[in-house]
C-alpha atoms as a PDB file:
ATOM      1  CA  UNK A   1      -0.413  -0.502  -0.054  1.00  0.00           C
ATOM      2  CA  UNK A   2       1.148   3.316  -0.778  1.00  0.00           C
ATOM      3  CA  UNK A   3      -0.029   7.149   0.134  1.00  0.00           C
ATOM      4  CA  UNK A   4       1.482  10.735  -1.427  1.00  0.00           C
ATOM      5  CA  UNK A   5       3.602  10.677   2.151  1.00  0.00           C
ATOM      6  CA  UNK A   6       5.698   7.696   1.207  1.00  0.00           C
ATOM      7  CA  UNK A   7       8.400   8.835  -0.733  1.00  0.00           C
ATOM      8  CA  UNK A   8       8.231  12.233   0.365  1.00  0.00           C
ATOM      9  CA  UNK A   9      10.870  14.203   1.892  1.00  0.00           C
ATOM     10  CA  UNK A  10      10.462  15.049   5.230  1.00  0.00           C
ATOM     11  CA  UNK A  11      11.970  17.908   7.407  1.00  0.00           C
ATOM     12  CA  UNK A  12      12.550  16.499  11.236  1.00  0.00           C
ATOM     13  CA  UNK A  13      14.350  17.983  14.678  1.00  0.00           C
ATOM     14  CA  UNK A  14      16.474  15.208  16.572  1.00  0.00           C
ATOM     15  CA  UNK A  15      17.375  16.166  19.995  1.00  0.00           C
ATOM     16  CA  UNK A  16      20.804  14.706  21.343  1.00  0.00           C
ATOM     17  CA  UNK A  17      21.957  15.747  25.199  1.00  0.00           C
ATOM     18  CA  UNK A  18      24.865  18.129  25.184  1.00  0.00           C
ATOM     19  CA  UNK A  19      26.077  20.418  23.139  1.00  0.00           C
ATOM     20  CA  UNK A  20      28.528  19.478  19.564  1.00  0.00           C
ATOM     21  CA  UNK A  21      30.362  22.063  18.055  1.00  0.00           C
ATOM     22  CA  UNK A  22      30.868  22.564  14.000  1.00  0.00           C
ATOM     23  CA  UNK A  23      33.627  19.774  14.239  1.00  0.00           C
ATOM     24  CA  UNK A  24      30.280  17.421  14.354  1.00  0.00           C
ATOM     25  CA  UNK A  25      28.584  18.615  10.848  1.00  0.00           C
ATOM     26  CA  UNK A  26      31.025  16.321   8.928  1.00  0.00           C
ATOM     27  CA  UNK A  27      29.018  13.189  11.215  1.00  0.00           C
ATOM     28  CA  UNK A  28      25.748  14.561  10.119  1.00  0.00           C
ATOM     29  CA  UNK A  29      25.706  15.406   6.414  1.00  0.00           C
ATOM     30  CA  UNK A  30      22.873  18.575   5.280  1.00  0.00           C
ATOM     31  CA  UNK A  31      21.433  18.662   8.218  1.00  0.00           C
ATOM     32  CA  UNK A  32      22.328  21.657  10.507  1.00  0.00           C
ATOM     33  CA  UNK A  33      23.913  21.953  14.248  1.00  0.00           C
ATOM     34  CA  UNK A  34      21.496  23.784  17.021  1.00  0.00           C
ATOM     35  CA  UNK A  35      22.584  24.389  20.162  1.00  0.00           C
ATOM     36  CA  UNK A  36      19.521  25.511  22.273  1.00  0.00           C
ATOM     37  CA  UNK A  37      19.384  27.647  25.251  1.00  0.00           C
ATOM     38  CA  UNK A  38      18.801  24.479  27.704  1.00  0.00           C
ATOM     39  CA  UNK A  39      21.971  22.958  26.962  1.00  0.00           C
ATOM     40  CA  UNK A  40      21.246  20.155  23.969  1.00  0.00           C
ATOM     41  CA  UNK A  41      21.986  19.719  20.336  1.00  0.00           C
ATOM     42  CA  UNK A  42      18.636  19.370  17.516  1.00  0.00           C
ATOM     43  CA  UNK A  43      20.018  18.568  14.278  1.00  0.00           C
ATOM     44  CA  UNK A  44      17.571  19.565  12.332  1.00  0.00           C
ATOM     45  CA  UNK A  45      16.968  19.297   8.341  1.00  0.00           C
ATOM     46  CA  UNK A  46      15.873  16.840   5.423  1.00  0.00           C
ATOM     47  CA  UNK A  47      15.514  13.930   5.204  1.00  0.00           C
ATOM     48  CA  UNK A  48      14.431  11.574   2.110  1.00  0.00           C
ATOM     49  CA  UNK A  49      12.607   8.517   3.602  1.00  0.00           C
ATOM     50  CA  UNK A  50      12.455   6.821   6.535  1.00  0.00           C
ATOM     51  CA  UNK A  51      15.895   4.822   5.830  1.00  0.00           C
ATOM     52  CA  UNK A  52      17.354   6.985   5.990  1.00  0.00           C
ATOM     53  CA  UNK A  53      16.283   8.476   9.376  1.00  0.00           C
ATOM     54  CA  UNK A  54      16.925   5.221  11.131  1.00  0.00           C
ATOM     55  CA  UNK A  55      20.602   5.377   9.671  1.00  0.00           C
ATOM     56  CA  UNK A  56      21.179   8.879  11.094  1.00  0.00           C
ATOM     57  CA  UNK A  57      19.684   7.229  14.577  1.00  0.00           C
ATOM     58  CA  UNK A  58      21.806   4.222  13.862  1.00  0.00           C
ATOM     59  CA  UNK A  59      24.923   6.971  13.614  1.00  0.00           C
ATOM     60  CA  UNK A  60      24.397   8.699  16.659  1.00  0.00           C
ATOM     61  CA  UNK A  61      23.874   5.531  18.583  1.00  0.00           C
ATOM     62  CA  UNK A  62      27.486   3.974  16.628  1.00  0.00           C
ATOM     63  CA  UNK A  63      29.168   7.759  18.639  1.00  0.00           C
ATOM     64  CA  UNK A  64      28.158   6.882  22.128  1.00  0.00           C
ATOM     65  CA  UNK A  65      25.245  10.089  20.914  1.00  0.00           C
ATOM     66  CA  UNK A  66      22.522  10.350  23.823  1.00  0.00           C
ATOM     67  CA  UNK A  67      18.816  10.203  22.003  1.00  0.00           C
ATOM     68  CA  UNK A  68      16.178  12.294  23.493  1.00  0.00           C
ATOM     69  CA  UNK A  69      13.715  12.973  20.785  1.00  0.00           C
ATOM     70  CA  UNK A  70      12.887  12.282  17.137  1.00  0.00           C
ATOM     71  CA  UNK A  71       9.928  14.882  16.109  1.00  0.00           C
ATOM     72  CA  UNK A  72       8.842  16.452  12.293  1.00  0.00           C
ATOM     73  CA  UNK A  73      10.462  20.090  12.329  1.00  0.00           C
ATOM     74  CA  UNK A  74       9.836  22.820  14.252  1.00  0.00           C
ATOM     75  CA  UNK A  75       9.594  26.569  12.959  1.00  0.00           C
ATOM     76  CA  UNK A  76      11.061  27.401  16.084  1.00  0.00           C
ATOM     77  CA  UNK A  77      14.548  25.461  16.565  1.00  0.00           C
ATOM     78  CA  UNK A  78      14.705  27.039  12.745  1.00  0.00           C
ATOM     79  CA  UNK A  79      14.274  30.541  14.144  1.00  0.00           C
ATOM     80  CA  UNK A  80      17.139  29.730  17.258  1.00  0.00           C
ATOM     81  CA  UNK A  81      19.630  28.526  14.410  1.00  0.00           C
ATOM     82  CA  UNK A  82      19.022  31.413  12.288  1.00  0.00           C
ATOM     83  CA  UNK A  83      19.667  33.505  15.724  1.00  0.00           C
ATOM     84  CA  UNK A  84      23.035  31.904  16.355  1.00  0.00           C
ATOM     85  CA  UNK A  85      24.405  32.217  12.680  1.00  0.00           C
ATOM     86  CA  UNK A  86      23.438  36.050  13.357  1.00  0.00           C
ATOM     87  CA  UNK A  87      25.882  36.196  16.400  1.00  0.00           C
END
């Protein structure tokens, strides 16, 4: 069974415990690294499909990072990212 969302790219916010600096960027391809006010990190961006999402989650686990949450993209987190970039 297929539907209109099966092959659609989606944006996700993946929250990780602790703050990652830009040196982690190479590990997470085109995902933006957003440092949150509460001391954690959000990886935010487009993920092409569920298999790619599972790949990112496996990479987080293999790197020994603590996953907090995975959510559909949030405009609020994009605003935090844009604010951090302008500093």
